[in-house]
Amino acid sequence: MAALDYLCRAGLVAEINGDGLRLRPVERITDAVRQFVRDHRAQLLAELIAANDAQPLQATAAAPAPAPAPAAERPAEARRNAWTITRGGNKPVCTICGAPMTRDEALAEARWRWPDADIE
């Protein structure tokens, strides 16, 4: 996922748009990013296709969530802008980039798509 990681570190989100790529937000696209995309287009498309390779979602019985501890009792949890999603024995699938979130929030986002996902 090296090519997508480069775009993530630049604060960009990439998605497949027809036969090409769409990057956003457009105000973050620099000449260096444009050149990177030209040089790595095939790799970016392959990584996006692999990351978005739909696996059939399986219905899982959700256990009732324990009541959260009061805020005063909880230690402050680290928030990060990027989390790596893994599946099947820590095989990296993709990287979540965006607003800062905790590990639990990132894991919930990953498991929405892949119930067997984990977060690094």
C-alpha atoms as a PDB file:
ATOM      1  CA  MET A   1       0.000   0.000   0.000  1.00  0.00           C
ATOM      2  CA  ALA A   2       2.999   2.284  -0.396  1.00  0.00           C
ATOM      3  CA  ALA A   3       1.525   4.438  -3.159  1.00  0.00           C
ATOM      4  CA  LEU A   4      -1.723   5.034  -1.262  1.00  0.00           C
ATOM      5  CA  ASP A   5       0.258   5.741   1.901  1.00  0.00           C
ATOM      6  CA  TYR A   6       2.135   8.514   0.069  1.00  0.00           C
ATOM      7  CA  LEU A   7      -1.173  10.151  -0.898  1.00  0.00           C
ATOM      8  CA  CYS A   8      -2.513   9.673   2.631  1.00  0.00           C
ATOM      9  CA  ARG A   9       0.513  11.429   4.112  1.00  0.00           C
ATOM     10  CA  ALA A  10      -0.129  14.275   1.643  1.00  0.00           C
ATOM     11  CA  GLY A  11      -3.637  14.585   3.136  1.00  0.00           C
ATOM     12  CA  LEU A  12      -5.390  13.203   0.047  1.00  0.00           C
ATOM     13  CA  VAL A  13      -8.078  10.594  -0.476  1.00  0.00           C
ATOM     14  CA  ALA A  14      -7.909   8.542  -3.685  1.00  0.00           C
ATOM     15  CA  GLU A  15     -10.781   6.690  -5.294  1.00  0.00           C
ATOM     16  CA  ILE A  16     -11.438   4.960  -8.587  1.00  0.00           C
ATOM     17  CA  ASN A  17     -13.441   7.102 -10.997  1.00  0.00           C
ATOM     18  CA  GLY A  18     -14.346   5.134 -14.122  1.00  0.00           C
ATOM     19  CA  ASP A  19     -11.006   4.093 -15.631  1.00  0.00           C
ATOM     20  CA  GLY A  20      -9.030   6.743 -13.739  1.00  0.00           C
ATOM     21  CA  LEU A  21      -8.378   8.137 -10.304  1.00  0.00           C
ATOM     22  CA  ARG A  22     -10.001  10.944  -8.362  1.00  0.00           C
ATOM     23  CA  LEU A  23      -8.085  12.746  -5.631  1.00  0.00           C
ATOM     24  CA  ARG A  24      -9.575  15.037  -3.057  1.00  0.00           C
ATOM     25  CA  PRO A  25      -9.436  17.639  -1.683  1.00  0.00           C
ATOM     26  CA  VAL A  26      -8.269  19.309  -4.867  1.00  0.00           C
ATOM     27  CA  GLU A  27      -6.628  22.199  -3.017  1.00  0.00           C
ATOM     28  CA  ARG A  28      -3.998  19.768  -1.660  1.00  0.00           C
ATOM     29  CA  ILE A  29      -2.954  18.488  -5.110  1.00  0.00           C
ATOM     30  CA  THR A  30       0.494  19.837  -5.937  1.00  0.00           C
ATOM     31  CA  ASP A  31       2.669  19.430  -9.018  1.00  0.00           C
ATOM     32  CA  ALA A  32       4.694  16.809  -7.130  1.00  0.00           C
ATOM     33  CA  VAL A  33       1.513  14.832  -6.395  1.00  0.00           C
ATOM     34  CA  ARG A  34       0.440  15.068 -10.054  1.00  0.00           C
ATOM     35  CA  GLN A  35       3.817  13.692 -11.145  1.00  0.00           C
ATOM     36  CA  PHE A  36       3.632  10.925  -8.518  1.00  0.00           C
ATOM     37  CA  VAL A  37       0.198   9.884  -9.788  1.00  0.00           C
ATOM     38  CA  ARG A  38       1.443   9.846 -13.412  1.00  0.00           C
ATOM     39  CA  ASP A  39       4.430   7.701 -12.406  1.00  0.00           C
ATOM     40  CA  HIS A  40       2.462   5.308 -10.155  1.00  0.00           C
ATOM     41  CA  ARG A  41      -1.022   5.192 -11.734  1.00  0.00           C
ATOM     42  CA  ALA A  42      -1.008   1.408 -12.258  1.00  0.00           C
ATOM     43  CA  GLN A  43       0.163   0.752  -8.694  1.00  0.00           C
ATOM     44  CA  LEU A  44      -2.441   3.137  -7.261  1.00  0.00           C
ATOM     45  CA  LEU A  45      -5.245   1.495  -9.239  1.00  0.00           C
ATOM     46  CA  ALA A  46      -4.085  -1.978  -8.164  1.00  0.00           C
ATOM     47  CA  GLU A  47      -3.946  -0.943  -4.500  1.00  0.00           C
ATOM     48  CA  LEU A  48      -7.391   0.662  -4.648  1.00  0.00           C
ATOM     49  CA  ILE A  49      -8.891  -2.385  -6.357  1.00  0.00           C
ATOM     50  CA  ALA A  50      -7.305  -4.697  -3.778  1.00  0.00           C
ATOM     51  CA  ALA A  51      -8.481  -2.490  -0.912  1.00  0.00           C
ATOM     52  CA  ASN A  52     -12.012  -2.357  -2.286  1.00  0.00           C
ATOM     53  CA  ASP A  53     -12.218  -6.029  -3.278  1.00  0.00           C
ATOM     54  CA  ALA A  54     -15.647  -6.786  -1.885  1.00  0.00           C
ATOM     55  CA  GLN A  55     -15.851  -9.796   0.368  1.00  0.00           C
ATOM     56  CA  PRO A  56     -19.316 -11.115   1.178  1.00  0.00           C
ATOM     57  CA  LEU A  57     -20.362  -9.736   4.532  1.00  0.00           C
ATOM     58  CA  GLN A  58     -21.393 -12.357   7.036  1.00  0.00           C
ATOM     59  CA  ALA A  59     -24.058 -11.721   9.604  1.00  0.00           C
ATOM     60  CA  THR A  60     -22.567 -11.960  13.065  1.00  0.00           C
ATOM     61  CA  ALA A  61     -24.406 -12.028  16.334  1.00  0.00           C
ATOM     62  CA  ALA A  62     -23.394  -8.929  18.236  1.00  0.00           C
ATOM     63  CA  ALA A  63     -22.827  -9.291  21.943  1.00  0.00           C
ATOM     64  CA  PRO A  64     -24.281  -6.505  24.040  1.00  0.00           C
ATOM     65  CA  ALA A  65     -21.757  -3.730  24.522  1.00  0.00           C
ATOM     66  CA  PRO A  66     -20.605  -3.172  28.092  1.00  0.00           C
ATOM     67  CA  ALA A  67     -21.568   0.134  29.629  1.00  0.00           C
ATOM     68  CA  PRO A  68     -18.801   2.694  29.055  1.00  0.00           C
ATOM     69  CA  ALA A  69     -16.891   3.904  32.079  1.00  0.00           C
ATOM     70  CA  PRO A  70     -17.432   7.509  33.088  1.00  0.00           C
ATOM     71  CA  ALA A  71     -15.067   9.895  31.300  1.00  0.00           C
ATOM     72  CA  ALA A  72     -13.208  10.658  34.524  1.00  0.00           C
ATOM     73  CA  GLU A  73     -12.289   6.946  34.915  1.00  0.00           C
ATOM     74  CA  ARG A  74     -11.157   6.344  31.321  1.00  0.00           C
ATOM     75  CA  PRO A  75      -7.557   7.007  30.307  1.00  0.00           C
ATOM     76  CA  ALA A  76      -7.195   9.325  27.324  1.00  0.00           C
ATOM     77  CA  GLU A  77      -6.974   7.185  24.191  1.00  0.00           C
ATOM     78  CA  ALA A  78      -4.600   8.182  21.402  1.00  0.00           C
ATOM     79  CA  ARG A  79      -6.196   9.553  18.242  1.00  0.00           C
ATOM     80  CA  ARG A  80      -4.460   9.111  14.918  1.00  0.00           C
ATOM     81  CA  ASN A  81      -5.127  10.245  11.350  1.00  0.00           C
ATOM     82  CA  ALA A  82      -4.132   6.927   9.760  1.00  0.00           C
ATOM     83  CA  TRP A  83      -4.681   3.304  10.777  1.00  0.00           C
ATOM     84  CA  THR A  84      -3.662   0.191   8.806  1.00  0.00           C
ATOM     85  CA  ILE A  85      -6.406  -2.402   8.359  1.00  0.00           C
ATOM     86  CA  THR A  86      -5.251  -6.025   8.370  1.00  0.00           C
ATOM     87  CA  ARG A  87      -6.987  -9.334   7.672  1.00  0.00           C
ATOM     88  CA  GLY A  88      -6.028 -12.996   7.680  1.00  0.00           C
ATOM     89  CA  GLY A  89      -3.000 -13.105   9.920  1.00  0.00           C
ATOM     90  CA  ASN A  90      -1.972  -9.444   9.783  1.00  0.00           C
ATOM     91  CA  LYS A  91      -1.984  -9.142   5.984  1.00  0.00           C
ATOM     92  CA  PRO A  92      -2.375  -5.370   5.290  1.00  0.00           C
ATOM     93  CA  VAL A  93      -5.523  -4.577   3.309  1.00  0.00           C
ATOM     94  CA  CYS A  94      -5.535  -0.782   3.258  1.00  0.00           C
ATOM     95  CA  THR A  95      -5.004   2.318   5.346  1.00  0.00           C
ATOM     96  CA  ILE A  96      -7.778   4.464   6.784  1.00  0.00           C
ATOM     97  CA  CYS A  97      -6.866   8.135   6.421  1.00  0.00           C
ATOM     98  CA  GLY A  98      -8.974  11.002   7.636  1.00  0.00           C
ATOM     99  CA  ALA A  99     -10.133  12.736  10.759  1.00  0.00           C
ATOM    100  CA  PRO A 100      -8.313  11.687  13.951  1.00  0.00           C
ATOM    101  CA  MET A 101      -9.926   8.649  15.563  1.00  0.00           C
ATOM    102  CA  THR A 102      -9.199   6.202  18.342  1.00  0.00           C
ATOM    103  CA  ARG A 103      -8.238   2.584  17.744  1.00  0.00           C
ATOM    104  CA  ASP A 104     -11.739   1.433  18.719  1.00  0.00           C
ATOM    105  CA  GLU A 105     -13.345   3.874  16.275  1.00  0.00           C
ATOM    106  CA  ALA A 106     -10.990   2.775  13.489  1.00  0.00           C
ATOM    107  CA  LEU A 107     -11.673  -0.899  14.262  1.00  0.00           C
ATOM    108  CA  ALA A 108     -15.431  -0.285  14.103  1.00  0.00           C
ATOM    109  CA  GLU A 109     -15.012   1.391  10.685  1.00  0.00           C
ATOM    110  CA  ALA A 110     -12.895  -1.506   9.405  1.00  0.00           C
ATOM    111  CA  ARG A 111     -15.271  -4.181  10.705  1.00  0.00           C
ATOM    112  CA  TRP A 112     -18.201  -2.450   9.014  1.00  0.00           C
ATOM    113  CA  ARG A 113     -16.663  -3.616   5.728  1.00  0.00           C
ATOM    114  CA  TRP A 114     -14.681  -6.692   6.833  1.00  0.00           C
ATOM    115  CA  PRO A 115     -16.019  -8.419   9.969  1.00  0.00           C
ATOM    116  CA  ASP A 116     -12.699 -10.240  10.463  1.00  0.00           C
ATOM    117  CA  ALA A 117     -10.538  -7.083  10.210  1.00  0.00           C
ATOM    118  CA  ASP A 118      -8.016  -5.911  12.763  1.00  0.00           C
ATOM    119  CA  ILE A 119      -6.109  -2.615  13.121  1.00  0.00           C
ATOM    120  CA  GLU A 120      -2.357  -1.984  13.422  1.00  0.00           C
END
